[in-house]
Amino acid sequence: MNELRQTPRRAALLGVVGALGLLLVAGSMPADAGDRPSRSRTHHTRVQRTDTGHTRRDVWTNDRGKVVTRDATVVRDREARTRSRDVVLTRPDGKTRTLSDELTRTESGYTRETDVTRFNGSTTSRDVTASYDPETKEWSRTIEVQHTPSK
């Protein structure tokens, strides 16, 4: 009967010894073994209100001094029931990605036109027309998308 009581203790002891052995082996490995080299970056954001919306500028700088910027301008016209957004993302090599977005409220819903030009020159245009039916409480959307390959 003593042997039965000692068997679980021995199993637990072997488990602890095994875990300590793994920790010792892992502790002797270099910290970056199998990992990518560590890198750092900074990110600064400046948001400023305007009379009709806001602007935002984001700047990322990595530890090698390479800089990526994102400039966005949002303009809202309550009377015309429109909201526009223009965004330019600039990579360290000077290439840009632009986005232009125009949202207009209609009596029954909205229209939205979005144009994107990517770093390689390819473009996407997306037009949405949406309407809401208060009787059925359902939205209806028509979406058209056009892609142009890079130049």
Foldseek 3Di string as FASTA:
>chain_A
DVVVVVVVVVVVVVVVVVVVVVVVVVVVDDPCVVHDDDWDKDKDKDWAADPFGIKMKIWIAIPVGWIKIKIKDWGADVVQQKIWMWMWIAGSVGFIKIKIKMWHADPFGIKMWMWIQDSQGKIKIKIKDWGADPVVRDIDIDIDMDIGDGD
